[in-house]
Amino acid sequence: MTTAVTTQQDNEALIDVLLNSLYPNASRESALMVISYCQHAGYDVMQKPVHIVPMWDSQAGKMRDVIMPGINLYRVNSARSGFYGGMSEPEFGPDITEMVGNVSITYPAWCKVSAFRITADGQKAEFPAIERWKENYAVKGGQEKSIAPNSMWAKRPRGQIAKCAAAQALRLAFPEMGAQPTAEEMEGKTIH
């Protein structure tokens, strides 16, 4: 009985820490979801392996928080496999400048990243992934129904698409990690 009370008190203290440091705008319920996710998967919650992603739920007609892995969790899991052979530098397609929604933005048409897996005979196998910015960018969305990029994708168009290409390359090289998209890939998307 004491253990359950201590665990509950420990969780309450951990929630307070998370809300004051790693997830400052999150609800207590969302912080508890993060803790549960990490405990179930054996991750250190203080390493922030997952993100709280607010998503528009079209069936409920409101925003709701979804817990999703971050790109760094994919990198960690790949390294822990013992077969990780590194990643290439991102390679970008030509820049495009256009109005997207009501925002003028310059972004790379695409990004290519390769993940490398060490094979049984010690060779490096390459798993390239090409992701297109226009197919991946996160919209402001929500009730606004805006197709303009959200603030992160407007501020860091290269960095964000590089994360998406890296996540896809790691999924190709390490399918045992699963196919769940990362927070970077799902930010601004709608749940149907």
C-alpha atoms as a PDB file:
ATOM      1  CA  MET A   1       0.000   0.000   0.000  1.00  0.00           C
ATOM      2  CA  THR A   2       2.838   2.412   0.815  1.00  0.00           C
ATOM      3  CA  THR A   3       4.405   1.753  -2.592  1.00  0.00           C
ATOM      4  CA  ALA A   4       1.256   2.859  -4.457  1.00  0.00           C
ATOM      5  CA  VAL A   5       1.060   6.058  -2.412  1.00  0.00           C
ATOM      6  CA  THR A   6       4.764   6.767  -2.920  1.00  0.00           C
ATOM      7  CA  THR A   7       4.427   6.133  -6.658  1.00  0.00           C
ATOM      8  CA  GLN A   8       1.460   8.483  -6.858  1.00  0.00           C
ATOM      9  CA  GLN A   9       3.374  11.135  -4.882  1.00  0.00           C
ATOM     10  CA  ASP A  10       6.435  10.589  -7.073  1.00  0.00           C
ATOM     11  CA  ASN A  11       4.283  10.978 -10.206  1.00  0.00           C
ATOM     12  CA  GLU A  12       2.768  14.196  -8.843  1.00  0.00           C
ATOM     13  CA  ALA A  13       6.254  15.591  -8.158  1.00  0.00           C
ATOM     14  CA  LEU A  14       7.436  14.486 -11.608  1.00  0.00           C
ATOM     15  CA  ILE A  15       4.401  16.105 -13.250  1.00  0.00           C
ATOM     16  CA  ASP A  16       5.265  19.371 -11.483  1.00  0.00           C
ATOM     17  CA  VAL A  17       8.856  19.130 -12.730  1.00  0.00           C
ATOM     18  CA  LEU A  18       7.739  18.384 -16.309  1.00  0.00           C
ATOM     19  CA  LEU A  19       5.236  21.252 -16.333  1.00  0.00           C
ATOM     20  CA  ASN A  20       7.881  23.661 -15.046  1.00  0.00           C
ATOM     21  CA  SER A  21      10.658  22.573 -17.407  1.00  0.00           C
ATOM     22  CA  LEU A  22      10.154  20.329 -20.437  1.00  0.00           C
ATOM     23  CA  TYR A  23       6.417  20.824 -21.128  1.00  0.00           C
ATOM     24  CA  PRO A  24       5.567  24.280 -19.701  1.00  0.00           C
ATOM     25  CA  ASN A  25       2.251  24.806 -21.540  1.00  0.00           C
ATOM     26  CA  ALA A  26       0.913  21.275 -21.123  1.00  0.00           C
ATOM     27  CA  SER A  27      -1.981  20.132 -18.988  1.00  0.00           C
ATOM     28  CA  ARG A  28      -1.444  17.804 -16.024  1.00  0.00           C
ATOM     29  CA  GLU A  29      -3.291  15.077 -17.951  1.00  0.00           C
ATOM     30  CA  SER A  30      -0.907  15.400 -20.902  1.00  0.00           C
ATOM     31  CA  ALA A  31       2.137  15.286 -18.611  1.00  0.00           C
ATOM     32  CA  LEU A  32       0.721  12.111 -17.045  1.00  0.00           C
ATOM     33  CA  MET A  33       0.308  10.626 -20.543  1.00  0.00           C
ATOM     34  CA  VAL A  34       4.002  11.375 -21.195  1.00  0.00           C
ATOM     35  CA  ILE A  35       5.000   9.650 -17.960  1.00  0.00           C
ATOM     36  CA  SER A  36       2.847   6.601 -18.746  1.00  0.00           C
ATOM     37  CA  TYR A  37       4.184   6.354 -22.310  1.00  0.00           C
ATOM     38  CA  CYS A  38       7.788   6.549 -21.095  1.00  0.00           C
ATOM     39  CA  GLN A  39       7.278   4.104 -18.214  1.00  0.00           C
ATOM     40  CA  HIS A  40       5.634   1.565 -20.533  1.00  0.00           C
ATOM     41  CA  ALA A  41       8.412   1.826 -23.146  1.00  0.00           C
ATOM     42  CA  GLY A  42      11.265   2.061 -20.640  1.00  0.00           C
ATOM     43  CA  TYR A  43      12.363   5.597 -21.589  1.00  0.00           C
ATOM     44  CA  ASP A  44      13.781   8.257 -19.296  1.00  0.00           C
ATOM     45  CA  VAL A  45      11.101  10.956 -19.279  1.00  0.00           C
ATOM     46  CA  MET A  46      13.700  13.625 -18.431  1.00  0.00           C
ATOM     47  CA  GLN A  47      15.426  12.970 -21.789  1.00  0.00           C
ATOM     48  CA  LYS A  48      12.206  14.201 -23.490  1.00  0.00           C
ATOM     49  CA  PRO A  49      11.916  11.254 -25.885  1.00  0.00           C
ATOM     50  CA  VAL A  50       8.326  12.190 -26.742  1.00  0.00           C
ATOM     51  CA  HIS A  51       6.437  15.374 -27.487  1.00  0.00           C
ATOM     52  CA  ILE A  52       2.962  16.587 -26.684  1.00  0.00           C
ATOM     53  CA  VAL A  53       1.457  17.517 -30.048  1.00  0.00           C
ATOM     54  CA  PRO A  54      -1.791  19.515 -30.059  1.00  0.00           C
ATOM     55  CA  MET A  55      -3.887  18.246 -32.956  1.00  0.00           C
ATOM     56  CA  TRP A  56      -7.282  19.222 -34.306  1.00  0.00           C
ATOM     57  CA  ASP A  57      -9.763  16.380 -33.719  1.00  0.00           C
ATOM     58  CA  SER A  58     -12.356  16.792 -36.465  1.00  0.00           C
ATOM     59  CA  GLN A  59     -14.765  14.311 -34.853  1.00  0.00           C
ATOM     60  CA  ALA A  60     -14.668  16.019 -31.451  1.00  0.00           C
ATOM     61  CA  GLY A  61     -14.498  19.490 -33.021  1.00  0.00           C
ATOM     62  CA  LYS A  62     -11.637  20.610 -30.766  1.00  0.00           C
ATOM     63  CA  MET A  63      -7.913  20.441 -30.199  1.00  0.00           C
ATOM     64  CA  ARG A  64      -6.498  17.535 -28.200  1.00  0.00           C
ATOM     65  CA  ASP A  65      -3.037  16.506 -27.118  1.00  0.00           C
ATOM     66  CA  VAL A  66      -1.393  13.442 -28.650  1.00  0.00           C
ATOM     67  CA  ILE A  67       1.850  11.915 -27.362  1.00  0.00           C
ATOM     68  CA  MET A  68       4.299  11.192 -30.193  1.00  0.00           C
ATOM     69  CA  PRO A  69       7.951  10.181 -30.431  1.00  0.00           C
ATOM     70  CA  GLY A  70      10.452  12.828 -31.458  1.00  0.00           C
ATOM     71  CA  ILE A  71      13.154  12.370 -34.078  1.00  0.00           C
ATOM     72  CA  ASN A  72      15.731  12.053 -31.313  1.00  0.00           C
ATOM     73  CA  LEU A  73      13.976   8.934 -29.981  1.00  0.00           C
ATOM     74  CA  TYR A  74      14.386   7.346 -33.421  1.00  0.00           C
ATOM     75  CA  ARG A  75      18.085   8.223 -33.344  1.00  0.00           C
ATOM     76  CA  VAL A  76      18.515   6.767 -29.847  1.00  0.00           C
ATOM     77  CA  ASN A  77      16.685   3.535 -30.714  1.00  0.00           C
ATOM     78  CA  SER A  78      18.745   3.146 -33.891  1.00  0.00           C
ATOM     79  CA  ALA A  79      21.984   3.611 -31.958  1.00  0.00           C
ATOM     80  CA  ARG A  80      20.880   1.134 -29.268  1.00  0.00           C
ATOM     81  CA  SER A  81      20.246  -1.513 -31.931  1.00  0.00           C
ATOM     82  CA  GLY A  82      23.995  -2.006 -32.366  1.00  0.00           C
ATOM     83  CA  PHE A  83      23.570  -1.742 -36.152  1.00  0.00           C
ATOM     84  CA  TYR A  84      23.467   2.040 -36.542  1.00  0.00           C
ATOM     85  CA  GLY A  85      25.982   3.291 -39.085  1.00  0.00           C
ATOM     86  CA  GLY A  86      25.214   7.007 -38.974  1.00  0.00           C
ATOM     87  CA  MET A  87      23.333   9.389 -41.216  1.00  0.00           C
ATOM     88  CA  SER A  88      24.169  11.584 -44.175  1.00  0.00           C
ATOM     89  CA  GLU A  89      24.004  15.346 -44.112  1.00  0.00           C
ATOM     90  CA  PRO A  90      20.677  16.645 -45.458  1.00  0.00           C
ATOM     91  CA  GLU A  91      20.675  17.409 -49.178  1.00  0.00           C
ATOM     92  CA  PHE A  92      18.126  20.002 -50.302  1.00  0.00           C
ATOM     93  CA  GLY A  93      16.329  20.608 -53.570  1.00  0.00           C
ATOM     94  CA  PRO A  94      15.966  24.037 -55.151  1.00  0.00           C
ATOM     95  CA  ASP A  95      14.414  26.849 -53.133  1.00  0.00           C
ATOM     96  CA  ILE A  96      10.867  27.867 -53.956  1.00  0.00           C
ATOM     97  CA  THR A  97       9.351  31.187 -52.906  1.00  0.00           C
ATOM     98  CA  GLU A  98       5.582  31.452 -52.938  1.00  0.00           C
ATOM     99  CA  MET A  99       2.540  32.493 -50.956  1.00  0.00           C
ATOM    100  CA  VAL A 100       1.285  29.605 -48.825  1.00  0.00           C
ATOM    101  CA  GLY A 101      -1.964  30.648 -47.252  1.00  0.00           C
ATOM    102  CA  ASN A 102      -1.336  34.298 -46.428  1.00  0.00           C
ATOM    103  CA  VAL A 103       2.422  33.858 -45.793  1.00  0.00           C
ATOM    104  CA  SER A 104       5.261  34.427 -48.246  1.00  0.00           C
ATOM    105  CA  ILE A 105       7.817  31.712 -47.610  1.00  0.00           C
ATOM    106  CA  THR A 106      10.986  30.375 -49.178  1.00  0.00           C
ATOM    107  CA  TYR A 107      11.464  26.646 -48.681  1.00  0.00           C
ATOM    108  CA  PRO A 108      13.431  23.797 -50.260  1.00  0.00           C
ATOM    109  CA  ALA A 109      11.367  21.712 -52.679  1.00  0.00           C
ATOM    110  CA  TRP A 110      12.653  18.523 -51.071  1.00  0.00           C
ATOM    111  CA  CYS A 111      15.195  17.087 -48.675  1.00  0.00           C
ATOM    112  CA  LYS A 112      17.111  13.820 -48.941  1.00  0.00           C
ATOM    113  CA  VAL A 113      18.688  12.081 -45.947  1.00  0.00           C
ATOM    114  CA  SER A 114      20.181   8.584 -45.765  1.00  0.00           C
ATOM    115  CA  ALA A 115      20.402   6.343 -42.717  1.00  0.00           C
ATOM    116  CA  PHE A 116      23.054   3.629 -42.674  1.00  0.00           C
ATOM    117  CA  ARG A 117      22.650   0.195 -41.124  1.00  0.00           C
ATOM    118  CA  ILE A 118      25.539  -2.165 -40.439  1.00  0.00           C
ATOM    119  CA  THR A 119      24.839  -5.511 -42.107  1.00  0.00           C
ATOM    120  CA  ALA A 120      25.729  -8.982 -40.817  1.00  0.00           C
ATOM    121  CA  ASP A 121      28.968  -8.920 -42.837  1.00  0.00           C
ATOM    122  CA  GLY A 122      29.980  -5.505 -41.430  1.00  0.00           C
ATOM    123  CA  GLN A 123      29.087  -3.437 -44.501  1.00  0.00           C
ATOM    124  CA  LYS A 124      27.043  -0.224 -44.414  1.00  0.00           C
ATOM    125  CA  ALA A 125      23.692  -0.459 -46.173  1.00  0.00           C
ATOM    126  CA  GLU A 126      22.228   2.897 -47.232  1.00  0.00           C
ATOM    127  CA  PHE A 127      18.541   3.728 -46.788  1.00  0.00           C
ATOM    128  CA  PRO A 128      17.805   7.052 -48.520  1.00  0.00           C
ATOM    129  CA  ALA A 129      14.590   8.987 -48.004  1.00  0.00           C
ATOM    130  CA  ILE A 130      13.356  11.995 -49.955  1.00  0.00           C
ATOM    131  CA  GLU A 131      10.606  14.107 -48.425  1.00  0.00           C
ATOM    132  CA  ARG A 132       8.926  17.068 -50.075  1.00  0.00           C
ATOM    133  CA  TRP A 133       8.347  20.228 -48.056  1.00  0.00           C
ATOM    134  CA  LYS A 134       4.888  20.872 -49.519  1.00  0.00           C
ATOM    135  CA  GLU A 135       3.704  17.363 -48.511  1.00  0.00           C
ATOM    136  CA  ASN A 136       5.046  17.622 -44.953  1.00  0.00           C
ATOM    137  CA  TYR A 137       4.817  21.156 -43.625  1.00  0.00           C
ATOM    138  CA  ALA A 138       2.636  21.787 -40.597  1.00  0.00           C
ATOM    139  CA  VAL A 139      -0.256  24.179 -41.096  1.00  0.00           C
ATOM    140  CA  LYS A 140      -1.632  26.662 -38.613  1.00  0.00           C
ATOM    141  CA  GLY A 141      -4.836  24.649 -39.042  1.00  0.00           C
ATOM    142  CA  GLY A 142      -7.181  24.205 -36.097  1.00  0.00           C
ATOM    143  CA  GLN A 143     -10.424  26.073 -36.309  1.00  0.00           C
ATOM    144  CA  GLU A 144      -8.747  28.681 -38.547  1.00  0.00           C
ATOM    145  CA  LYS A 145      -8.495  26.095 -41.359  1.00  0.00           C
ATOM    146  CA  SER A 146      -5.445  28.036 -42.541  1.00  0.00           C
ATOM    147  CA  ILE A 147      -3.064  26.365 -44.984  1.00  0.00           C
ATOM    148  CA  ALA A 148      -0.258  28.753 -44.009  1.00  0.00           C
ATOM    149  CA  PRO A 149       2.740  27.087 -42.333  1.00  0.00           C
ATOM    150  CA  ASN A 150       2.801  27.226 -38.558  1.00  0.00           C
ATOM    151  CA  SER A 151       5.455  29.378 -36.864  1.00  0.00           C
ATOM    152  CA  MET A 152       8.108  26.626 -36.648  1.00  0.00           C
ATOM    153  CA  TRP A 153       7.805  25.613 -40.308  1.00  0.00           C
ATOM    154  CA  ALA A 154       7.807  29.268 -41.381  1.00  0.00           C
ATOM    155  CA  LYS A 155      10.902  30.023 -39.268  1.00  0.00           C
ATOM    156  CA  ARG A 156      12.852  26.782 -39.976  1.00  0.00           C
ATOM    157  CA  PRO A 157      11.709  25.351 -43.328  1.00  0.00           C
ATOM    158  CA  ARG A 158      15.006  23.491 -43.930  1.00  0.00           C
ATOM    159  CA  GLY A 159      15.422  22.185 -40.400  1.00  0.00           C
ATOM    160  CA  GLN A 160      11.878  20.865 -40.169  1.00  0.00           C
ATOM    161  CA  ILE A 161      11.874  19.035 -43.524  1.00  0.00           C
ATOM    162  CA  ALA A 162      15.311  17.587 -42.690  1.00  0.00           C
ATOM    163  CA  LYS A 163      13.828  16.051 -39.517  1.00  0.00           C
ATOM    164  CA  CYS A 164      11.024  14.478 -41.562  1.00  0.00           C
ATOM    165  CA  ALA A 165      13.460  13.017 -44.099  1.00  0.00           C
ATOM    166  CA  ALA A 166      15.681  11.700 -41.278  1.00  0.00           C
ATOM    167  CA  ALA A 167      12.705  10.057 -39.561  1.00  0.00           C
ATOM    168  CA  GLN A 168      11.667   8.335 -42.790  1.00  0.00           C
ATOM    169  CA  ALA A 169      15.238   7.152 -43.469  1.00  0.00           C
ATOM    170  CA  LEU A 170      15.504   5.719 -39.940  1.00  0.00           C
ATOM    171  CA  ARG A 171      12.156   3.911 -40.327  1.00  0.00           C
ATOM    172  CA  LEU A 172      13.417   2.393 -43.588  1.00  0.00           C
ATOM    173  CA  ALA A 173      16.729   1.292 -42.050  1.00  0.00           C
ATOM    174  CA  PHE A 174      15.208   0.107 -38.752  1.00  0.00           C
ATOM    175  CA  PRO A 175      11.674  -1.163 -39.436  1.00  0.00           C
ATOM    176  CA  GLU A 176      11.685  -2.925 -36.068  1.00  0.00           C
ATOM    177  CA  MET A 177      11.220   0.529 -34.469  1.00  0.00           C
ATOM    178  CA  GLY A 178       7.693   0.650 -35.856  1.00  0.00           C
ATOM    179  CA  ALA A 179       6.024   2.989 -38.259  1.00  0.00           C
ATOM    180  CA  GLN A 180       4.631   5.678 -35.947  1.00  0.00           C
ATOM    181  CA  PRO A 181       5.306   9.119 -37.386  1.00  0.00           C
ATOM    182  CA  THR A 182       7.278  11.570 -35.282  1.00  0.00           C
ATOM    183  CA  ALA A 183       5.971  14.726 -33.652  1.00  0.00           C
ATOM    184  CA  GLU A 184       7.839  16.754 -36.268  1.00  0.00           C
ATOM    185  CA  GLU A 185       5.929  14.963 -39.034  1.00  0.00           C
ATOM    186  CA  MET A 186       2.506  15.225 -37.413  1.00  0.00           C
ATOM    187  CA  GLU A 187       2.581  18.766 -36.028  1.00  0.00           C
ATOM    188  CA  GLY A 188      -0.354  20.754 -37.386  1.00  0.00           C
ATOM    189  CA  LYS A 189      -2.160  17.714 -38.824  1.00  0.00           C
ATOM    190  CA  THR A 190      -5.812  16.795 -38.254  1.00  0.00           C
ATOM    191  CA  ILE A 191      -7.040  13.640 -36.544  1.00  0.00           C
ATOM    192  CA  HIS A 192      -9.992  12.219 -38.496  1.00  0.00           C
END
